[in-house]
Amino acid sequence: IIINDGSIDKSLEIIYKYQKKDKRIVLINRKNKGLITSLNEGVEKSSGSYIARMDADDISLAHRFERQIKLMELENLDICGGHFLSINNFGEPISLNLTPIGHDLCTLSLISKVPFAHPSVMIRKSFLEKNKIKYVQSLNNKAEDFDLWIRLHEKGAKFSNVNEIIFKY
């Protein structure tokens, strides 16, 4: 599912090109409604067991989904991220970012920061549905992910990160 949230660049043209090559691509093209609406719409329109979220300028490594699903199934996780490389506009690495491994360290991390890079996460859709959890507009517009992690944790979600680099941010 690709949500073109009112872009004015060549995004739509690029999406159409890929959609012709891969019929699985579902395009939602509309006027800008913002990140929170787009995130909730993407989750609602999805039909799979897992929600893998990322932005247009992020790059998933080829093994990302395989590693996350394997760990989620092995450890019965509800949400899973992973280590990542921060890159510049040319795709060159700037820094390596390590995330906490295991549910306990992810929970401890919530005291002062987010335990996941938002575009790296994979979430079990059934957990969101069962607990009626959606993204909400928080007081700090840049904290929609932290708000979600806290609410997931309060509902008993099990967290962890894959202990390897899975994407470029």
Protein backbone atom coordinates (compact mmCIF):
# COMPACT_ATOMS: atom_id res chain seq x y z
CA ILE A 1 0.00 0.00 0.00
CA ILE A 2 1.47 3.33 -1.05
CA ILE A 3 -0.25 6.47 0.17
CA ASN A 4 0.55 9.48 -1.95
CA ASP A 5 -0.45 12.14 0.55
CA GLY A 6 -0.69 15.10 -1.81
CA SER A 7 2.88 15.11 -3.07
CA ILE A 8 3.69 17.72 -5.70
CA ASP A 9 6.90 16.17 -7.00
CA LYS A 10 7.22 13.19 -9.36
CA SER A 11 6.15 10.62 -6.75
CA LEU A 12 2.88 9.75 -8.48
CA GLU A 13 4.66 9.17 -11.79
CA ILE A 14 7.18 6.87 -10.08
CA ILE A 15 4.44 4.96 -8.25
CA TYR A 16 2.51 4.39 -11.49
CA LYS A 17 5.68 3.03 -13.10
CA TYR A 18 6.13 0.45 -10.34
CA GLN A 19 2.42 -0.33 -10.20
CA LYS A 20 2.54 -1.41 -13.85
CA LYS A 21 5.36 -3.85 -12.98
CA ASP A 22 3.78 -5.19 -9.78
CA LYS A 23 0.01 -5.58 -9.56
CA ARG A 24 0.21 -6.08 -5.78
CA ILE A 25 0.84 -2.36 -5.32
CA VAL A 26 -2.23 -0.61 -3.98
CA LEU A 27 -2.14 3.15 -4.52
CA ILE A 28 -4.10 5.63 -2.45
CA ASN A 29 -3.72 9.01 -4.14
CA ARG A 30 -5.33 12.03 -2.54
CA LYS A 31 -4.93 15.54 -1.19
CA ASN A 32 -2.67 15.96 1.81
CA LYS A 33 -4.30 14.78 5.02
CA GLY A 34 -1.13 14.43 7.08
CA LEU A 35 0.92 11.66 8.61
CA ILE A 36 -1.49 10.43 11.28
CA THR A 37 -4.40 10.04 8.84
CA SER A 38 -2.12 8.34 6.32
CA LEU A 39 -0.75 5.88 8.89
CA ASN A 40 -4.23 4.91 10.08
CA GLU A 41 -5.53 4.62 6.53
CA GLY A 42 -2.64 2.36 5.54
CA VAL A 43 -3.26 0.06 8.51
CA GLU A 44 -7.01 -0.01 7.83
CA LYS A 45 -6.57 -0.87 4.13
CA SER A 46 -3.99 -3.57 4.80
CA SER A 47 -4.98 -7.22 4.59
CA GLY A 48 -1.87 -8.99 5.85
CA SER A 49 -0.93 -10.32 9.27
CA TYR A 50 1.85 -7.77 9.68
CA ILE A 51 2.14 -4.02 9.16
CA ALA A 52 5.58 -2.94 7.94
CA ARG A 53 5.81 0.81 7.95
CA MET A 54 8.28 3.12 6.23
CA ASP A 55 8.56 6.51 4.55
CA ALA A 56 9.40 7.36 0.94
CA ASP A 57 13.02 8.22 1.76
CA ASP A 58 13.76 5.02 3.73
CA ILE A 59 15.34 1.89 2.27
CA SER A 60 14.59 -1.60 3.55
CA LEU A 61 17.41 -4.08 3.18
CA ALA A 62 16.54 -7.25 1.27
CA HIS A 63 16.43 -9.44 4.40
CA ARG A 64 14.38 -7.05 6.58
CA PHE A 65 10.94 -8.69 6.44
CA GLU A 66 12.28 -12.23 6.66
CA ARG A 67 14.33 -11.44 9.78
CA GLN A 68 11.51 -9.56 11.47
CA ILE A 69 8.83 -12.17 10.82
CA LYS A 70 11.17 -14.95 11.95
CA LEU A 71 11.91 -13.18 15.25
CA MET A 72 8.26 -12.21 15.75
CA GLU A 73 7.16 -15.81 15.35
CA LEU A 74 10.01 -17.25 17.40
CA GLU A 75 9.48 -14.89 20.35
CA ASN A 76 5.75 -14.21 19.89
CA LEU A 77 6.37 -10.48 19.44
CA ASP A 78 3.72 -7.88 18.66
CA ILE A 79 6.17 -5.27 17.41
CA CYS A 80 9.68 -5.60 16.04
CA GLY A 81 12.25 -3.14 14.71
CA GLY A 82 15.98 -3.38 14.16
CA HIS A 83 19.31 -1.61 13.91
CA PHE A 84 19.68 0.91 11.10
CA LEU A 85 22.05 3.15 9.22
CA SER A 86 21.32 6.87 9.00
CA ILE A 87 22.10 8.04 5.47
CA ASN A 88 22.41 11.40 3.73
CA ASN A 89 20.57 12.56 0.59
CA PHE A 90 23.05 10.61 -1.55
CA GLY A 91 22.42 7.34 0.29
CA GLU A 92 25.81 7.44 2.00
CA PRO A 93 25.97 6.19 5.60
CA ILE A 94 26.27 8.88 8.28
CA SER A 95 25.92 6.79 11.43
CA LEU A 96 25.08 3.36 12.79
CA ASN A 97 22.12 3.27 15.18
CA LEU A 98 21.79 0.34 17.55
CA THR A 99 18.43 -0.45 19.13
CA PRO A 100 17.67 -2.31 22.37
CA ILE A 101 17.36 -6.08 22.01
CA GLY A 102 14.70 -8.01 23.90
CA HIS A 103 11.44 -7.00 25.52
CA ASP A 104 12.96 -5.95 28.84
CA LEU A 105 15.52 -3.58 27.30
CA CYS A 106 12.88 -2.12 24.95
CA THR A 107 10.61 -1.50 27.96
CA LEU A 108 13.45 0.11 29.89
CA SER A 109 14.20 2.30 26.88
CA LEU A 110 10.63 3.69 26.97
CA ILE A 111 11.58 5.63 30.11
CA SER A 112 13.61 8.14 28.12
CA LYS A 113 13.34 7.43 24.41
CA VAL A 114 11.75 5.30 21.71
CA PRO A 115 13.00 1.73 21.46
CA PHE A 116 12.43 1.60 17.67
CA ALA A 117 13.07 3.70 14.61
CA HIS A 118 9.47 4.20 13.48
CA PRO A 119 10.09 3.32 9.81
CA SER A 120 11.75 0.05 10.84
CA VAL A 121 8.83 -1.42 12.73
CA MET A 122 6.71 -4.39 11.89
CA ILE A 123 3.52 -4.70 13.95
CA ARG A 124 1.20 -7.65 14.32
CA LYS A 125 -2.07 -6.34 12.84
CA SER A 126 -4.22 -8.62 15.01
CA PHE A 127 -2.81 -6.93 18.15
CA LEU A 128 -3.87 -3.50 16.87
CA GLU A 129 -7.34 -4.76 15.94
CA LYS A 130 -7.91 -6.74 19.15
CA ASN A 131 -6.97 -3.72 21.27
CA LYS A 132 -8.58 -1.10 18.97
CA ILE A 133 -5.32 0.83 18.76
CA LYS A 134 -4.75 3.52 16.13
CA TYR A 135 -2.29 6.33 15.75
CA VAL A 136 -3.58 9.46 17.44
CA GLN A 137 -2.58 13.08 17.23
CA SER A 138 -0.50 13.75 20.31
CA LEU A 139 0.24 17.12 21.86
CA ASN A 140 3.65 16.95 20.20
CA ASN A 141 3.00 16.26 16.51
CA LYS A 142 6.40 14.59 16.19
CA ALA A 143 5.67 11.99 18.88
CA GLU A 144 2.99 9.86 17.23
CA ASP A 145 5.31 6.87 17.41
CA PHE A 146 6.21 7.30 21.09
CA ASP A 147 2.53 7.66 21.94
CA LEU A 148 1.79 4.43 20.04
CA TRP A 149 4.61 2.49 21.75
CA ILE A 150 3.35 3.56 25.18
CA ARG A 151 -0.24 2.54 24.41
CA LEU A 152 0.91 -0.79 22.91
CA HIS A 153 3.01 -1.45 26.01
CA GLU A 154 0.06 -0.62 28.30
CA LYS A 155 -1.99 -3.27 26.45
CA GLY A 156 0.70 -5.90 27.00
CA ALA A 157 2.46 -5.86 23.64
CA LYS A 158 5.72 -7.76 23.49
CA PHE A 159 8.60 -5.75 21.95
CA SER A 160 12.04 -6.49 20.53
CA ASN A 161 14.44 -5.57 17.75
CA VAL A 162 16.30 -7.75 15.29
CA ASN A 163 19.97 -7.78 16.26
CA GLU A 164 21.19 -6.67 12.84
CA ILE A 165 20.94 -3.74 10.44
CA ILE A 166 17.65 -4.00 8.55
CA PHE A 167 17.18 -0.62 6.89
CA LYS A 168 18.59 2.76 5.95
CA TYR A 169 16.98 5.85 7.46
